[in-house]
Amino acid sequence: MPKDNNFLDEMKDRYERVFSSEDGQKVLEDIAISGLLRRSSFSNDALILAHNVGMNDLAQHILDMAKKDEFREPKQTEAIK
């Protein structure tokens, strides 16, 4: 079931807020390294390759969501308790 635009916009806002700090940027860098975005995920072993591709896909999703969209201001929302 596809997610609606409101949900995606809200989630993107949350990712941007979480990762916009200096610490958040350091965490994103670690995600990029551990998610194999800086090197090949290839392996001759099919199981290792599948694992690496999954790590890569998740890391790329996180970085894409955390990336600041210059044409959109993140909405401020109340913290969830």
N, C-alpha and C. Protein backbone atom coordinates (compact mmCIF):
# COMPACT_ATOMS: atom_id res chain seq x y z
N MET A 1 0.85 -1.18 0.00
CA MET A 1 0.00 0.00 0.00
C MET A 1 0.89 1.24 0.00
N PRO A 2 0.73 2.12 -1.00
CA PRO A 2 1.58 3.32 -1.05
C PRO A 2 1.26 4.30 0.07
N LYS A 3 2.29 5.00 0.50
CA LYS A 3 2.11 5.99 1.55
C LYS A 3 1.65 7.30 0.92
N ASP A 4 0.77 8.01 1.61
CA ASP A 4 0.29 9.27 1.05
C ASP A 4 1.34 10.36 1.20
N ASN A 5 1.16 11.43 0.43
CA ASN A 5 2.13 12.54 0.41
C ASN A 5 2.27 13.22 1.76
N ASN A 6 1.18 13.34 2.52
CA ASN A 6 1.26 13.97 3.84
C ASN A 6 2.18 13.18 4.76
N PHE A 7 2.03 11.87 4.74
CA PHE A 7 2.87 11.01 5.58
C PHE A 7 4.33 11.17 5.18
N LEU A 8 4.62 11.12 3.88
CA LEU A 8 6.00 11.24 3.41
C LEU A 8 6.58 12.61 3.74
N ASP A 9 5.79 13.67 3.59
CA ASP A 9 6.25 15.02 3.95
C ASP A 9 6.58 15.11 5.43
N GLU A 10 5.70 14.56 6.27
CA GLU A 10 5.94 14.58 7.72
C GLU A 10 7.19 13.79 8.09
N MET A 11 7.37 12.62 7.47
CA MET A 11 8.55 11.81 7.77
C MET A 11 9.82 12.52 7.29
N LYS A 12 9.78 13.14 6.14
CA LYS A 12 10.95 13.87 5.63
C LYS A 12 11.29 15.00 6.59
N ASP A 13 10.30 15.71 7.08
CA ASP A 13 10.53 16.77 8.07
C ASP A 13 11.23 16.21 9.31
N ARG A 14 10.77 15.07 9.78
CA ARG A 14 11.37 14.46 10.97
C ARG A 14 12.82 14.05 10.72
N TYR A 15 13.07 13.42 9.59
CA TYR A 15 14.45 13.05 9.26
C TYR A 15 15.35 14.29 9.20
N GLU A 16 14.87 15.33 8.55
CA GLU A 16 15.66 16.57 8.43
C GLU A 16 15.97 17.15 9.80
N ARG A 17 14.99 17.19 10.68
CA ARG A 17 15.23 17.73 12.02
C ARG A 17 16.23 16.88 12.79
N VAL A 18 16.08 15.57 12.74
CA VAL A 18 16.96 14.67 13.49
C VAL A 18 18.40 14.78 13.00
N PHE A 19 18.60 14.84 11.70
CA PHE A 19 19.95 14.78 11.16
C PHE A 19 20.55 16.14 10.81
N SER A 20 19.89 17.23 11.16
CA SER A 20 20.40 18.56 10.79
C SER A 20 21.50 19.06 11.73
N SER A 21 21.63 18.47 12.90
CA SER A 21 22.66 18.92 13.85
C SER A 21 24.03 18.40 13.42
N GLU A 22 25.06 18.91 14.07
CA GLU A 22 26.42 18.44 13.80
C GLU A 22 26.53 16.95 14.11
N ASP A 23 25.96 16.53 15.24
CA ASP A 23 25.98 15.10 15.58
C ASP A 23 25.21 14.29 14.54
N GLY A 24 24.08 14.81 14.11
CA GLY A 24 23.29 14.12 13.09
C GLY A 24 24.07 13.94 11.80
N GLN A 25 24.85 14.96 11.42
CA GLN A 25 25.67 14.86 10.21
C GLN A 25 26.75 13.79 10.35
N LYS A 26 27.32 13.68 11.55
CA LYS A 26 28.33 12.64 11.81
C LYS A 26 27.69 11.25 11.72
N VAL A 27 26.48 11.12 12.24
CA VAL A 27 25.77 9.84 12.17
C VAL A 27 25.47 9.50 10.71
N LEU A 28 25.05 10.48 9.92
CA LEU A 28 24.79 10.24 8.50
C LEU A 28 26.06 9.75 7.79
N GLU A 29 27.19 10.34 8.13
CA GLU A 29 28.45 9.91 7.53
C GLU A 29 28.74 8.45 7.88
N ASP A 30 28.50 8.08 9.13
CA ASP A 30 28.70 6.69 9.55
C ASP A 30 27.74 5.76 8.82
N ILE A 31 26.50 6.18 8.64
CA ILE A 31 25.51 5.38 7.90
C ILE A 31 25.98 5.18 6.46
N ALA A 32 26.51 6.23 5.85
CA ALA A 32 27.00 6.13 4.47
C ALA A 32 28.16 5.14 4.37
N ILE A 33 29.05 5.16 5.36
CA ILE A 33 30.20 4.24 5.34
C ILE A 33 29.73 2.81 5.60
N SER A 34 28.94 2.61 6.67
CA SER A 34 28.49 1.25 6.99
C SER A 34 27.52 0.70 5.97
N GLY A 35 26.80 1.58 5.30
CA GLY A 35 25.83 1.16 4.28
C GLY A 35 26.45 0.95 2.92
N LEU A 36 27.78 1.00 2.87
CA LEU A 36 28.54 0.72 1.66
C LEU A 36 28.24 1.70 0.53
N LEU A 37 27.93 2.95 0.88
CA LEU A 37 27.68 3.95 -0.15
C LEU A 37 28.99 4.52 -0.70
N ARG A 38 30.10 4.27 -0.03
CA ARG A 38 31.39 4.80 -0.46
C ARG A 38 32.26 3.75 -1.15
N ARG A 39 31.73 2.52 -1.25
CA ARG A 39 32.48 1.46 -1.93
C ARG A 39 31.50 0.45 -2.52
N SER A 40 32.01 -0.45 -3.30
CA SER A 40 31.17 -1.44 -3.97
C SER A 40 30.55 -2.40 -2.97
N SER A 41 29.34 -2.80 -3.24
CA SER A 41 28.67 -3.78 -2.39
C SER A 41 28.77 -5.18 -3.01
N PHE A 42 29.51 -5.30 -4.11
CA PHE A 42 29.61 -6.57 -4.82
C PHE A 42 30.32 -7.64 -3.99
N SER A 43 29.83 -8.87 -4.14
CA SER A 43 30.48 -10.04 -3.57
C SER A 43 30.17 -11.23 -4.48
N ASN A 44 31.09 -12.16 -4.59
CA ASN A 44 30.84 -13.39 -5.35
C ASN A 44 29.85 -14.30 -4.62
N ASP A 45 29.71 -14.10 -3.32
CA ASP A 45 28.78 -14.88 -2.50
C ASP A 45 27.40 -14.20 -2.57
N ALA A 46 26.42 -14.92 -3.09
CA ALA A 46 25.08 -14.34 -3.30
C ALA A 46 24.44 -13.85 -2.01
N LEU A 47 24.64 -14.56 -0.91
CA LEU A 47 24.04 -14.13 0.36
C LEU A 47 24.69 -12.85 0.87
N ILE A 48 26.00 -12.76 0.75
CA ILE A 48 26.69 -11.53 1.17
C ILE A 48 26.28 -10.38 0.27
N LEU A 49 26.19 -10.63 -1.03
CA LEU A 49 25.77 -9.58 -1.96
C LEU A 49 24.36 -9.08 -1.61
N ALA A 50 23.44 -10.01 -1.34
CA ALA A 50 22.07 -9.62 -0.97
C ALA A 50 22.07 -8.78 0.31
N HIS A 51 22.86 -9.21 1.29
CA HIS A 51 22.97 -8.45 2.54
C HIS A 51 23.51 -7.05 2.27
N ASN A 52 24.58 -6.96 1.49
CA ASN A 52 25.20 -5.67 1.19
C ASN A 52 24.24 -4.74 0.44
N VAL A 53 23.49 -5.30 -0.51
CA VAL A 53 22.53 -4.49 -1.26
C VAL A 53 21.43 -3.98 -0.34
N GLY A 54 20.98 -4.81 0.59
CA GLY A 54 19.98 -4.36 1.56
C GLY A 54 20.50 -3.24 2.43
N MET A 55 21.74 -3.38 2.91
CA MET A 55 22.35 -2.31 3.72
C MET A 55 22.46 -1.02 2.90
N ASN A 56 22.86 -1.17 1.65
CA ASN A 56 23.02 -0.02 0.77
C ASN A 56 21.69 0.68 0.54
N ASP A 57 20.64 -0.09 0.28
CA ASP A 57 19.32 0.49 0.03
C ASP A 57 18.81 1.26 1.25
N LEU A 58 18.97 0.68 2.43
CA LEU A 58 18.51 1.35 3.65
C LEU A 58 19.31 2.63 3.90
N ALA A 59 20.63 2.55 3.75
CA ALA A 59 21.47 3.73 3.96
C ALA A 59 21.09 4.83 2.98
N GLN A 60 20.85 4.47 1.73
CA GLN A 60 20.48 5.48 0.72
C GLN A 60 19.14 6.10 1.06
N HIS A 61 18.19 5.30 1.53
CA HIS A 61 16.88 5.83 1.92
C HIS A 61 17.03 6.86 3.05
N ILE A 62 17.82 6.52 4.06
CA ILE A 62 18.01 7.43 5.19
C ILE A 62 18.65 8.73 4.71
N LEU A 63 19.69 8.64 3.90
CA LEU A 63 20.34 9.85 3.40
C LEU A 63 19.41 10.68 2.53
N ASP A 64 18.62 10.02 1.69
CA ASP A 64 17.66 10.75 0.85
C ASP A 64 16.62 11.48 1.69
N MET A 65 16.12 10.82 2.72
CA MET A 65 15.10 11.44 3.57
C MET A 65 15.69 12.58 4.41
N ALA A 66 16.95 12.45 4.82
CA ALA A 66 17.57 13.46 5.68
C ALA A 66 18.07 14.66 4.89
N LYS A 67 18.17 14.52 3.59
CA LYS A 67 18.69 15.59 2.74
C LYS A 67 17.74 16.79 2.75
N LYS A 68 18.31 17.95 3.00
CA LYS A 68 17.52 19.18 3.05
C LYS A 68 16.98 19.51 1.66
N ASP A 69 15.71 19.72 1.57
CA ASP A 69 15.08 20.15 0.34
C ASP A 69 15.04 21.67 0.35
N GLU A 70 15.78 22.30 -0.56
CA GLU A 70 15.91 23.75 -0.56
C GLU A 70 14.60 24.48 -0.82
N PHE A 71 13.64 23.79 -1.39
CA PHE A 71 12.39 24.45 -1.76
C PHE A 71 11.28 24.20 -0.75
N ARG A 72 11.62 23.60 0.37
CA ARG A 72 10.59 23.25 1.33
C ARG A 72 11.11 23.50 2.74
N GLU A 73 10.32 24.14 3.55
CA GLU A 73 10.67 24.37 4.95
C GLU A 73 10.10 23.24 5.79
N PRO A 74 10.92 22.62 6.64
CA PRO A 74 10.38 21.59 7.54
C PRO A 74 9.35 22.20 8.47
N LYS A 75 8.26 21.47 8.68
CA LYS A 75 7.24 21.95 9.62
C LYS A 75 7.68 21.60 11.03
N GLN A 76 7.39 22.48 11.94
CA GLN A 76 7.68 22.21 13.35
C GLN A 76 6.49 21.44 13.90
N THR A 77 6.77 20.33 14.53
CA THR A 77 5.71 19.54 15.13
C THR A 77 6.00 19.35 16.60
N GLU A 78 4.96 19.06 17.34
CA GLU A 78 5.10 18.83 18.76
C GLU A 78 5.76 17.46 18.99
N ALA A 79 6.60 17.37 19.98
CA ALA A 79 7.27 16.11 20.29
C ALA A 79 6.25 15.07 20.71
N ILE A 80 6.50 13.84 20.28
CA ILE A 80 5.62 12.73 20.66
C ILE A 80 6.05 12.26 22.04
N LYS A 81 5.08 12.15 22.94
CA LYS A 81 5.40 11.73 24.31
C LYS A 81 5.07 10.29 24.54
